[in-house]
Amino acid sequence: MFAPPNRYLTPEEYLALEADSQVRHEYIDGQVYTMARGSKAHNLISLNIAVGLLAQLTAPCQTFMVDMKVMSQFPSQ
């Protein structure tokens, strides 16, 4: 188990736990959610979206495919 249910984690706690985890997780407002494994279809869709974004975005925006930890500058709804 990654974290006790209903326990809010700080970003630092999440990153420390994730560093040793064999499973990928998503961190939203102190809650941690297990992420599903990618399929062939998912990877093809992701690639097509990334290529489309890369062609349209300008600096300082960047496009990433997988395994990047990013922090939103916007509060979640």
PDB file of N, CA and C in Angstrom:
ATOM      1  N   MET A   1       0.844  -1.176   0.000  1.00  0.00           N
ATOM      2  CA  MET A   1       0.000   0.000   0.000  1.00  0.00           C
ATOM      3  C   MET A   1       0.885   1.233   0.000  1.00  0.00           C
ATOM      4  N   PHE A   2       0.538   2.202  -0.774  1.00  0.00           N
ATOM      5  CA  PHE A   2       1.349   3.394  -0.950  1.00  0.00           C
ATOM      6  C   PHE A   2       1.181   4.371   0.194  1.00  0.00           C
ATOM      7  N   ALA A   3      -0.046   4.708   0.547  1.00  0.00           N
ATOM      8  CA  ALA A   3      -0.327   5.646   1.644  1.00  0.00           C
ATOM      9  C   ALA A   3      -1.663   5.268   2.259  1.00  0.00           C
ATOM     10  N   PRO A   4      -1.828   5.515   3.546  1.00  0.00           N
ATOM     11  CA  PRO A   4      -3.106   5.196   4.179  1.00  0.00           C
ATOM     12  C   PRO A   4      -4.247   5.968   3.514  1.00  0.00           C
ATOM     13  N   PRO A   5      -5.411   5.337   3.342  1.00  0.00           N
ATOM     14  CA  PRO A   5      -6.532   6.039   2.729  1.00  0.00           C
ATOM     15  C   PRO A   5      -6.937   7.249   3.560  1.00  0.00           C
ATOM     16  N   ASN A   6      -7.381   8.277   2.884  1.00  0.00           N
ATOM     17  CA  ASN A   6      -7.860   9.512   3.507  1.00  0.00           C
ATOM     18  C   ASN A   6      -6.768  10.279   4.259  1.00  0.00           C
ATOM     19  N   ARG A   7      -5.523   9.950   4.034  1.00  0.00           N
ATOM     20  CA  ARG A   7      -4.426  10.707   4.637  1.00  0.00           C
ATOM     21  C   ARG A   7      -3.863  11.639   3.576  1.00  0.00           C
ATOM     22  N   TYR A   8      -3.862  12.915   3.883  1.00  0.00           N
ATOM     23  CA  TYR A   8      -3.320  13.889   2.955  1.00  0.00           C
ATOM     24  C   TYR A   8      -1.807  13.944   3.090  1.00  0.00           C
ATOM     25  N   LEU A   9      -1.124  13.917   1.960  1.00  0.00           N
ATOM     26  CA  LEU A   9       0.327  13.964   1.936  1.00  0.00           C
ATOM     27  C   LEU A   9       0.795  15.316   1.425  1.00  0.00           C
ATOM     28  N   THR A  10       1.938  15.747   1.918  1.00  0.00           N
ATOM     29  CA  THR A  10       2.561  16.936   1.363  1.00  0.00           C
ATOM     30  C   THR A  10       3.213  16.534   0.041  1.00  0.00           C
ATOM     31  N   PRO A  11       3.486  17.487  -0.830  1.00  0.00           N
ATOM     32  CA  PRO A  11       4.198  17.128  -2.068  1.00  0.00           C
ATOM     33  C   PRO A  11       5.527  16.429  -1.784  1.00  0.00           C
ATOM     34  N   GLU A  12       6.223  16.845  -0.742  1.00  0.00           N
ATOM     35  CA  GLU A  12       7.502  16.223  -0.400  1.00  0.00           C
ATOM     36  C   GLU A  12       7.323  14.770   0.042  1.00  0.00           C
ATOM     37  N   GLU A  13       6.278  14.497   0.823  1.00  0.00           N
ATOM     38  CA  GLU A  13       5.998  13.115   1.250  1.00  0.00           C
ATOM     39  C   GLU A  13       5.664  12.245   0.055  1.00  0.00           C
ATOM     40  N   TYR A  14       4.845  12.783  -0.849  1.00  0.00           N
ATOM     41  CA  TYR A  14       4.480  12.042  -2.058  1.00  0.00           C
ATOM     42  C   TYR A  14       5.723  11.697  -2.882  1.00  0.00           C
ATOM     43  N   LEU A  15       6.578  12.674  -3.126  1.00  0.00           N
ATOM     44  CA  LEU A  15       7.769  12.441  -3.936  1.00  0.00           C
ATOM     45  C   LEU A  15       8.698  11.422  -3.286  1.00  0.00           C
ATOM     46  N   ALA A  16       8.818  11.457  -1.963  1.00  0.00           N
ATOM     47  CA  ALA A  16       9.655  10.489  -1.257  1.00  0.00           C
ATOM     48  C   ALA A  16       9.092   9.079  -1.411  1.00  0.00           C
ATOM     49  N   LEU A  17       7.796   8.909  -1.269  1.00  0.00           N
ATOM     50  CA  LEU A  17       7.181   7.591  -1.423  1.00  0.00           C
ATOM     51  C   LEU A  17       7.245   7.117  -2.871  1.00  0.00           C
ATOM     52  N   GLU A  18       7.032   8.017  -3.797  1.00  0.00           N
ATOM     53  CA  GLU A  18       7.017   7.660  -5.216  1.00  0.00           C
ATOM     54  C   GLU A  18       8.395   7.226  -5.700  1.00  0.00           C
ATOM     55  N   ALA A  19       9.439   7.760  -5.105  1.00  0.00           N
ATOM     56  CA  ALA A  19      10.805   7.417  -5.515  1.00  0.00           C
ATOM     57  C   ALA A  19      11.089   5.926  -5.348  1.00  0.00           C
ATOM     58  N   ASP A  20      10.459   5.286  -4.366  1.00  0.00           N
ATOM     59  CA  ASP A  20      10.692   3.867  -4.105  1.00  0.00           C
ATOM     60  C   ASP A  20       9.575   2.961  -4.605  1.00  0.00           C
ATOM     61  N   SER A  21       8.566   3.533  -5.241  1.00  0.00           N
ATOM     62  CA  SER A  21       7.395   2.765  -5.654  1.00  0.00           C
ATOM     63  C   SER A  21       7.614   2.075  -6.993  1.00  0.00           C
ATOM     64  N   GLN A  22       7.103   0.859  -7.125  1.00  0.00           N
ATOM     65  CA  GLN A  22       7.141   0.128  -8.391  1.00  0.00           C
ATOM     66  C   GLN A  22       5.945   0.481  -9.274  1.00  0.00           C
ATOM     67  N   VAL A  23       4.963   1.180  -8.703  1.00  0.00           N
ATOM     68  CA  VAL A  23       3.739   1.557  -9.406  1.00  0.00           C
ATOM     69  C   VAL A  23       3.681   3.075  -9.485  1.00  0.00           C
ATOM     70  N   ARG A  24       3.220   3.604 -10.605  1.00  0.00           N
ATOM     71  CA  ARG A  24       3.107   5.050 -10.759  1.00  0.00           C
ATOM     72  C   ARG A  24       1.838   5.555 -10.087  1.00  0.00           C
ATOM     73  N   HIS A  25       1.940   6.760  -9.531  1.00  0.00           N
ATOM     74  CA  HIS A  25       0.809   7.382  -8.857  1.00  0.00           C
ATOM     75  C   HIS A  25       0.644   8.821  -9.318  1.00  0.00           C
ATOM     76  N   GLU A  26      -0.540   9.330  -9.120  1.00  0.00           N
ATOM     77  CA  GLU A  26      -0.845  10.728  -9.405  1.00  0.00           C
ATOM     78  C   GLU A  26      -1.168  11.408  -8.081  1.00  0.00           C
ATOM     79  N   TYR A  27      -0.708  12.627  -7.911  1.00  0.00           N
ATOM     80  CA  TYR A  27      -0.898  13.391  -6.677  1.00  0.00           C
ATOM     81  C   TYR A  27      -1.782  14.586  -6.987  1.00  0.00           C
ATOM     82  N   ILE A  28      -2.945  14.653  -6.330  1.00  0.00           N
ATOM     83  CA  ILE A  28      -3.887  15.757  -6.536  1.00  0.00           C
ATOM     84  C   ILE A  28      -4.366  16.242  -5.185  1.00  0.00           C
ATOM     85  N   ASP A  29      -4.030  17.485  -4.853  1.00  0.00           N
ATOM     86  CA  ASP A  29      -4.490  18.119  -3.611  1.00  0.00           C
ATOM     87  C   ASP A  29      -4.272  17.246  -2.378  1.00  0.00           C
ATOM     88  N   GLY A  30      -3.098  16.649  -2.266  1.00  0.00           N
ATOM     89  CA  GLY A  30      -2.770  15.871  -1.081  1.00  0.00           C
ATOM     90  C   GLY A  30      -3.214  14.426  -1.127  1.00  0.00           C
ATOM     91  N   GLN A  31      -3.985  14.050  -2.125  1.00  0.00           N
ATOM     92  CA  GLN A  31      -4.440  12.664  -2.272  1.00  0.00           C
ATOM     93  C   GLN A  31      -3.607  11.965  -3.344  1.00  0.00           C
ATOM     94  N   VAL A  32      -3.387  10.675  -3.153  1.00  0.00           N
ATOM     95  CA  VAL A  32      -2.584   9.898  -4.080  1.00  0.00           C
ATOM     96  C   VAL A  32      -3.475   8.847  -4.743  1.00  0.00           C
ATOM     97  N   TYR A  33      -3.372   8.751  -6.068  1.00  0.00           N
ATOM     98  CA  TYR A  33      -4.184   7.815  -6.844  1.00  0.00           C
ATOM     99  C   TYR A  33      -3.263   6.948  -7.698  1.00  0.00           C
ATOM    100  N   THR A  34      -3.520   5.647  -7.705  1.00  0.00           N
ATOM    101  CA  THR A  34      -2.750   4.736  -8.540  1.00  0.00           C
ATOM    102  C   THR A  34      -3.119   4.974  -9.996  1.00  0.00           C
ATOM    103  N   MET A  35      -2.105   5.032 -10.848  1.00  0.00           N
ATOM    104  CA  MET A  35      -2.329   5.237 -12.280  1.00  0.00           C
ATOM    105  C   MET A  35      -2.366   3.887 -12.989  1.00  0.00           C
ATOM    106  N   ALA A  36      -3.227   3.792 -13.979  1.00  0.00           N
ATOM    107  CA  ALA A  36      -3.334   2.570 -14.767  1.00  0.00           C
ATOM    108  C   ALA A  36      -2.097   2.420 -15.652  1.00  0.00           C
ATOM    109  N   ARG A  37      -1.772   1.193 -15.984  1.00  0.00           N
ATOM    110  CA  ARG A  37      -0.670   0.942 -16.903  1.00  0.00           C
ATOM    111  C   ARG A  37      -1.116   1.301 -18.307  1.00  0.00           C
ATOM    112  N   GLY A  38      -0.176   1.738 -19.121  1.00  0.00           N
ATOM    113  CA  GLY A  38      -0.481   2.131 -20.491  1.00  0.00           C
ATOM    114  C   GLY A  38      -0.659   0.934 -21.402  1.00  0.00           C
ATOM    115  N   SER A  39      -1.530   1.081 -22.368  1.00  0.00           N
ATOM    116  CA  SER A  39      -1.740   0.042 -23.379  1.00  0.00           C
ATOM    117  C   SER A  39      -1.143   0.531 -24.702  1.00  0.00           C
ATOM    118  N   LYS A  40      -1.121  -0.343 -25.696  1.00  0.00           N
ATOM    119  CA  LYS A  40      -0.632   0.046 -27.021  1.00  0.00           C
ATOM    120  C   LYS A  40      -1.480   1.179 -27.576  1.00  0.00           C
ATOM    121  N   ALA A  41      -2.793   1.066 -27.452  1.00  0.00           N
ATOM    122  CA  ALA A  41      -3.688   2.121 -27.951  1.00  0.00           C
ATOM    123  C   ALA A  41      -3.444   3.439 -27.215  1.00  0.00           C
ATOM    124  N   HIS A  42      -3.280   3.358 -25.910  1.00  0.00           N
ATOM    125  CA  HIS A  42      -3.023   4.563 -25.119  1.00  0.00           C
ATOM    126  C   HIS A  42      -1.731   5.236 -25.565  1.00  0.00           C
ATOM    127  N   ASN A  43      -0.685   4.451 -25.789  1.00  0.00           N
ATOM    128  CA  ASN A  43       0.589   5.011 -26.228  1.00  0.00           C
ATOM    129  C   ASN A  43       0.490   5.663 -27.598  1.00  0.00           C
ATOM    130  N   LEU A  44      -0.244   5.070 -28.516  1.00  0.00           N
ATOM    131  CA  LEU A  44      -0.414   5.668 -29.842  1.00  0.00           C
ATOM    132  C   LEU A  44      -1.195   6.980 -29.758  1.00  0.00           C
ATOM    133  N   ILE A  45      -2.232   6.999 -28.949  1.00  0.00           N
ATOM    134  CA  ILE A  45      -3.007   8.229 -28.764  1.00  0.00           C
ATOM    135  C   ILE A  45      -2.126   9.316 -28.142  1.00  0.00           C
ATOM    136  N   SER A  46      -1.371   8.952 -27.111  1.00  0.00           N
ATOM    137  CA  SER A  46      -0.482   9.909 -26.452  1.00  0.00           C
ATOM    138  C   SER A  46       0.549  10.475 -27.424  1.00  0.00           C
ATOM    139  N   LEU A  47       1.115   9.618 -28.236  1.00  0.00           N
ATOM    140  CA  LEU A  47       2.100  10.055 -29.217  1.00  0.00           C
ATOM    141  C   LEU A  47       1.488  11.042 -30.204  1.00  0.00           C
ATOM    142  N   ASN A  48       0.310  10.724 -30.706  1.00  0.00           N
ATOM    143  CA  ASN A  48      -0.345  11.614 -31.662  1.00  0.00           C
ATOM    144  C   ASN A  48      -0.673  12.966 -31.043  1.00  0.00           C
ATOM    145  N   ILE A  49      -1.112  12.969 -29.802  1.00  0.00           N
ATOM    146  CA  ILE A  49      -1.404  14.227 -29.111  1.00  0.00           C
ATOM    147  C   ILE A  49      -0.118  15.023 -28.903  1.00  0.00           C
ATOM    148  N   ALA A  50       0.940  14.347 -28.466  1.00  0.00           N
ATOM    149  CA  ALA A  50       2.209  15.032 -28.217  1.00  0.00           C
ATOM    150  C   ALA A  50       2.773  15.644 -29.494  1.00  0.00           C
ATOM    151  N   VAL A  51       2.714  14.915 -30.597  1.00  0.00           N
ATOM    152  CA  VAL A  51       3.207  15.436 -31.877  1.00  0.00           C
ATOM    153  C   VAL A  51       2.394  16.664 -32.289  1.00  0.00           C
ATOM    154  N   GLY A  52       1.077  16.592 -32.117  1.00  0.00           N
ATOM    155  CA  GLY A  52       0.226  17.731 -32.453  1.00  0.00           C
ATOM    156  C   GLY A  52       0.518  18.941 -31.585  1.00  0.00           C
ATOM    157  N   LEU A  53       0.710  18.711 -30.288  1.00  0.00           N
ATOM    158  CA  LEU A  53       1.033  19.818 -29.380  1.00  0.00           C
ATOM    159  C   LEU A  53       2.395  20.410 -29.696  1.00  0.00           C
ATOM    160  N   LEU A  54       3.373  19.552 -29.936  1.00  0.00           N
ATOM    161  CA  LEU A  54       4.724  20.011 -30.222  1.00  0.00           C
ATOM    162  C   LEU A  54       4.741  20.938 -31.443  1.00  0.00           C
ATOM    163  N   ALA A  55       3.929  20.619 -32.430  1.00  0.00           N
ATOM    164  CA  ALA A  55       3.881  21.425 -33.647  1.00  0.00           C
ATOM    165  C   ALA A  55       3.244  22.795 -33.410  1.00  0.00           C
ATOM    166  N   GLN A  56       2.431  22.923 -32.364  1.00  0.00           N
ATOM    167  CA  GLN A  56       1.688  24.162 -32.141  1.00  0.00           C
ATOM    168  C   GLN A  56       2.255  25.042 -31.025  1.00  0.00           C
ATOM    169  N   LEU A  57       2.937  24.472 -30.067  1.00  0.00           N
ATOM    170  CA  LEU A  57       3.387  25.233 -28.901  1.00  0.00           C
ATOM    171  C   LEU A  57       4.683  25.990 -29.177  1.00  0.00           C
ATOM    172  N   THR A  58       4.811  27.121 -28.508  1.00  0.00           N
ATOM    173  CA  THR A  58       6.036  27.901 -28.589  1.00  0.00           C
ATOM    174  C   THR A  58       6.606  28.061 -27.186  1.00  0.00           C
ATOM    175  N   ALA A  59       7.867  28.457 -27.097  1.00  0.00           N
ATOM    176  CA  ALA A  59       8.524  28.647 -25.798  1.00  0.00           C
ATOM    177  C   ALA A  59       7.741  29.649 -24.976  1.00  0.00           C
ATOM    178  N   PRO A  60       7.615  29.462 -23.687  1.00  0.00           N
ATOM    179  CA  PRO A  60       8.317  28.494 -22.846  1.00  0.00           C
ATOM    180  C   PRO A  60       7.557  27.182 -22.672  1.00  0.00           C
ATOM    181  N   CYS A  61       6.499  26.956 -23.428  1.00  0.00           N
ATOM    182  CA  CYS A  61       5.718  25.719 -23.287  1.00  0.00           C
ATOM    183  C   CYS A  61       6.524  24.526 -23.789  1.00  0.00           C
ATOM    184  N   GLN A  62       6.322  23.367 -23.146  1.00  0.00           N
ATOM    185  CA  GLN A  62       7.002  22.140 -23.530  1.00  0.00           C
ATOM    186  C   GLN A  62       5.996  20.999 -23.588  1.00  0.00           C
ATOM    187  N   THR A  63       6.293  20.012 -24.406  1.00  0.00           N
ATOM    188  CA  THR A  63       5.466  18.817 -24.525  1.00  0.00           C
ATOM    189  C   THR A  63       6.245  17.622 -23.988  1.00  0.00           C
ATOM    190  N   PHE A  64       5.599  16.830 -23.130  1.00  0.00           N
ATOM    191  CA  PHE A  64       6.206  15.623 -22.597  1.00  0.00           C
ATOM    192  C   PHE A  64       5.297  14.444 -22.890  1.00  0.00           C
ATOM    193  N   MET A  65       5.892  13.264 -23.011  1.00  0.00           N
ATOM    194  CA  MET A  65       5.110  12.057 -23.265  1.00  0.00           C
ATOM    195  C   MET A  65       4.792  11.317 -21.969  1.00  0.00           C
ATOM    196  N   VAL A  66       5.801  10.847 -21.267  1.00  0.00           N
ATOM    197  CA  VAL A  66       5.586  10.029 -20.071  1.00  0.00           C
ATOM    198  C   VAL A  66       6.676  10.289 -19.043  1.00  0.00           C
ATOM    199  N   ASP A  67       6.399   9.822 -17.824  1.00  0.00           N
ATOM    200  CA  ASP A  67       7.379   9.800 -16.738  1.00  0.00           C
ATOM    201  C   ASP A  67       7.962  11.158 -16.382  1.00  0.00           C
ATOM    202  N   MET A  68       7.150  12.182 -16.482  1.00  0.00           N
ATOM    203  CA  MET A  68       7.577  13.508 -16.055  1.00  0.00           C
ATOM    204  C   MET A  68       6.668  13.943 -14.916  1.00  0.00           C
ATOM    205  N   LYS A  69       7.259  14.389 -13.840  1.00  0.00           N
ATOM    206  CA  LYS A  69       6.475  14.926 -12.740  1.00  0.00           C
ATOM    207  C   LYS A  69       6.376  16.423 -12.967  1.00  0.00           C
ATOM    208  N   VAL A  70       5.168  16.916 -13.097  1.00  0.00           N
ATOM    209  CA  VAL A  70       4.942  18.341 -13.313  1.00  0.00           C
ATOM    210  C   VAL A  70       3.974  18.845 -12.261  1.00  0.00           C
ATOM    211  N   MET A  71       4.081  20.123 -11.938  1.00  0.00           N
ATOM    212  CA  MET A  71       3.186  20.728 -10.971  1.00  0.00           C
ATOM    213  C   MET A  71       2.346  21.774 -11.686  1.00  0.00           C
ATOM    214  N   SER A  72       1.061  21.653 -11.543  1.00  0.00           N
ATOM    215  CA  SER A  72       0.145  22.623 -12.133  1.00  0.00           C
ATOM    216  C   SER A  72       0.265  23.955 -11.408  1.00  0.00           C
ATOM    217  N   GLN A  73       0.186  25.030 -12.153  1.00  0.00           N
ATOM    218  CA  GLN A  73       0.192  26.354 -11.552  1.00  0.00           C
ATOM    219  C   GLN A  73      -1.227  26.804 -11.231  1.00  0.00           C
ATOM    220  N   PHE A  74      -2.187  25.969 -11.566  1.00  0.00           N
ATOM    221  CA  PHE A  74      -3.582  26.299 -11.355  1.00  0.00           C
ATOM    222  C   PHE A  74      -4.173  25.420 -10.269  1.00  0.00           C
ATOM    223  N   PRO A  75      -4.993  25.979  -9.380  1.00  0.00           N
ATOM    224  CA  PRO A  75      -5.642  25.130  -8.365  1.00  0.00           C
ATOM    225  C   PRO A  75      -6.635  24.189  -9.029  1.00  0.00           C
ATOM    226  N   SER A  76      -6.749  22.980  -8.475  1.00  0.00           N
ATOM    227  CA  SER A  76      -7.715  22.042  -9.027  1.00  0.00           C
ATOM    228  C   SER A  76      -9.122  22.480  -8.668  1.00  0.00           C
ATOM    229  N   GLN A  77     -10.052  22.053  -9.483  1.00  0.00           N
ATOM    230  CA  GLN A  77     -11.457  22.448  -9.280  1.00  0.00           C
ATOM    231  C   GLN A  77     -12.166  21.445  -8.421  1.00  0.00           C
TER     232      GLN A  77
END
